[in-house]
C-alpha atoms as a PDB file:
ATOM      1  CA  MET A   1       6.217  -6.737   9.235  1.00  0.00           C
ATOM      2  CA  THR A   2       5.178  -7.601   5.733  1.00  0.00           C
ATOM      3  CA  VAL A   3       1.540  -7.888   3.978  1.00  0.00           C
ATOM      4  CA  ALA A   4       1.340  -9.271   0.845  1.00  0.00           C
ATOM      5  CA  LEU A   5      -2.546  -8.980  -1.194  1.00  0.00           C
ATOM      6  CA  GLU A   6      -3.491 -11.067  -3.315  1.00  0.00           C
ATOM      7  CA  GLY A   7      -6.588 -10.387  -5.750  1.00  0.00           C
ATOM      8  CA  ARG A   8      -8.223  -6.187  -5.731  1.00  0.00           C
ATOM      9  CA  LEU A   9      -7.702  -3.204  -3.992  1.00  0.00           C
ATOM     10  CA  ASP A  10     -11.105  -1.576  -3.789  1.00  0.00           C
ATOM     11  CA  SER A  11     -14.213   0.899  -2.564  1.00  0.00           C
ATOM     12  CA  VAL A  12     -14.542  -3.011  -0.921  1.00  0.00           C
ATOM     13  CA  THR A  13     -11.714  -4.481   0.056  1.00  0.00           C
ATOM     14  CA  ALA A  14      -9.785  -1.296   0.698  1.00  0.00           C
ATOM     15  CA  PRO A  15     -11.729  -0.240   4.495  1.00  0.00           C
ATOM     16  CA  GLU A  16     -11.423  -3.510   5.672  1.00  0.00           C
ATOM     17  CA  LEU A  17      -7.316  -3.341   5.188  1.00  0.00           C
ATOM     18  CA  ASP A  18      -7.061  -0.324   6.354  1.00  0.00           C
ATOM     19  CA  ALA A  19      -8.485  -0.972   9.559  1.00  0.00           C
ATOM     20  CA  ASP A  20      -6.432  -4.104   9.390  1.00  0.00           C
ATOM     21  CA  ILE A  21      -2.651  -1.990   8.939  1.00  0.00           C
ATOM     22  CA  LYS A  22      -3.934   0.948  11.607  1.00  0.00           C
ATOM     23  CA  ALA A  23      -4.558  -2.002  14.185  1.00  0.00           C
ATOM     24  CA  SER A  24      -1.006  -3.403  13.836  1.00  0.00           C
ATOM     25  CA  LEU A  25       1.068  -0.153  13.104  1.00  0.00           C
ATOM     26  CA  ASP A  26       1.846   0.155  16.686  1.00  0.00           C
ATOM     27  CA  GLY A  27       5.765   0.046  17.194  1.00  0.00           C
ATOM     28  CA  VAL A  28       6.038  -1.145  13.420  1.00  0.00           C
ATOM     29  CA  THR A  29       9.638   0.734  11.889  1.00  0.00           C
ATOM     30  CA  GLU A  30       9.380  -0.995   9.263  1.00  0.00           C
ATOM     31  CA  LEU A  31       5.924  -1.920   6.671  1.00  0.00           C
ATOM     32  CA  VAL A  32       6.564  -3.818   3.710  1.00  0.00           C
ATOM     33  CA  LEU A  33       3.580  -4.151   0.921  1.00  0.00           C
ATOM     34  CA  ASP A  34       4.156  -6.615  -1.206  1.00  0.00           C
ATOM     35  CA  PHE A  35       1.507  -6.759  -4.599  1.00  0.00           C
ATOM     36  CA  GLU A  36       2.821 -10.225  -5.955  1.00  0.00           C
ATOM     37  CA  LYS A  37      -0.786 -11.035  -6.142  1.00  0.00           C
ATOM     38  CA  LEU A  38      -1.644  -7.848  -6.318  1.00  0.00           C
ATOM     39  CA  ASP A  39      -4.331  -7.753  -9.582  1.00  0.00           C
ATOM     40  CA  TYR A  40      -5.565  -4.188  -8.920  1.00  0.00           C
ATOM     41  CA  ILE A  41      -5.783  -0.862  -7.267  1.00  0.00           C
ATOM     42  CA  SER A  42      -8.662   1.373  -6.998  1.00  0.00           C
ATOM     43  CA  SER A  43      -8.788   4.892  -6.135  1.00  0.00           C
ATOM     44  CA  ALA A  44      -9.471   3.830  -2.560  1.00  0.00           C
ATOM     45  CA  GLY A  45      -6.621   2.076  -2.539  1.00  0.00           C
ATOM     46  CA  LEU A  46      -4.749   4.995  -2.726  1.00  0.00           C
ATOM     47  CA  ARG A  47      -6.147   6.441  -0.325  1.00  0.00           C
ATOM     48  CA  VAL A  48      -4.578   3.420   2.186  1.00  0.00           C
ATOM     49  CA  LEU A  49      -1.582   3.834   1.314  1.00  0.00           C
ATOM     50  CA  LEU A  50      -1.631   7.638   1.212  1.00  0.00           C
ATOM     51  CA  SER A  51      -2.333   6.917   5.055  1.00  0.00           C
ATOM     52  CA  ALA A  52      -0.334   3.595   5.869  1.00  0.00           C
ATOM     53  CA  HIS A  53       2.667   6.558   4.337  1.00  0.00           C
ATOM     54  CA  LYS A  54       1.658   9.038   6.091  1.00  0.00           C
ATOM     55  CA  THR A  55       1.582   7.301   9.380  1.00  0.00           C
ATOM     56  CA  MET A  56       5.159   5.226   8.789  1.00  0.00           C
ATOM     57  CA  SER A  57       6.950   7.631   8.088  1.00  0.00           C
ATOM     58  CA  GLN A  58       6.441   9.222  11.546  1.00  0.00           C
ATOM     59  CA  GLN A  59       8.040   5.793  12.766  1.00  0.00           C
ATOM     60  CA  GLY A  60       9.604   4.199  10.100  1.00  0.00           C
ATOM     61  CA  SER A  61       9.689   3.182   6.308  1.00  0.00           C
ATOM     62  CA  MET A  62       6.813   2.619   4.113  1.00  0.00           C
ATOM     63  CA  LYS A  63       7.982   0.192   0.517  1.00  0.00           C
ATOM     64  CA  VAL A  64       5.833  -1.627  -2.278  1.00  0.00           C
ATOM     65  CA  VAL A  65       7.396  -4.621  -3.727  1.00  0.00           C
ATOM     66  CA  ARG A  66       6.855  -6.453  -6.417  1.00  0.00           C
ATOM     67  CA  PRO A  67       3.849  -4.658  -8.450  1.00  0.00           C
ATOM     68  CA  ASN A  68       2.383  -5.710 -11.398  1.00  0.00           C
ATOM     69  CA  GLU A  69       2.662  -3.550 -14.415  1.00  0.00           C
ATOM     70  CA  SER A  70      -0.865  -2.236 -13.615  1.00  0.00           C
ATOM     71  CA  VAL A  71      -0.407  -1.780 -10.454  1.00  0.00           C
ATOM     72  CA  LYS A  72       2.485   0.108 -11.817  1.00  0.00           C
ATOM     73  CA  GLU A  73       0.964   2.392 -14.404  1.00  0.00           C
ATOM     74  CA  ILE A  74      -1.829   3.655 -11.863  1.00  0.00           C
ATOM     75  CA  PHE A  75       1.692   4.690  -9.508  1.00  0.00           C
ATOM     76  CA  ASP A  76       2.457   6.824 -12.619  1.00  0.00           C
ATOM     77  CA  ILE A  77      -0.298   8.291 -13.319  1.00  0.00           C
ATOM     78  CA  THR A  78      -1.135   9.095 -10.056  1.00  0.00           C
ATOM     79  CA  GLY A  79       1.584  10.044  -8.598  1.00  0.00           C
ATOM     80  CA  PHE A  80       2.451   7.751  -6.492  1.00  0.00           C
ATOM     81  CA  SER A  81       5.789   6.612  -7.634  1.00  0.00           C
ATOM     82  CA  GLU A  82       6.796   9.619  -6.750  1.00  0.00           C
ATOM     83  CA  ILE A  83       5.310   9.303  -3.389  1.00  0.00           C
ATOM     84  CA  LEU A  84       5.635   6.015  -2.031  1.00  0.00           C
ATOM     85  CA  THR A  85       9.442   3.597  -2.115  1.00  0.00           C
ATOM     86  CA  VAL A  86       8.574   0.773  -4.747  1.00  0.00           C
ATOM     87  CA  GLU A  87      10.739  -1.852  -5.677  1.00  0.00           C
END
């Protein structure tokens, strides 16, 4: 399953993404999060990624593709670049 995000992943949008991902992961063995058009990610967005990563580590794999430089920097600062597969 590939999910393409656009705009901001923050406290306003993260709960909706979290609910959508949780509702869609049954039977999914590979989750790809395409961040090409994602401008910003907050701690709320990082929590969604952590939750999805935890689920996918039990049933398959997850990767984040095409993050911009500011999102990569947030991943580096928070240590998420060590937890997630980022391409």
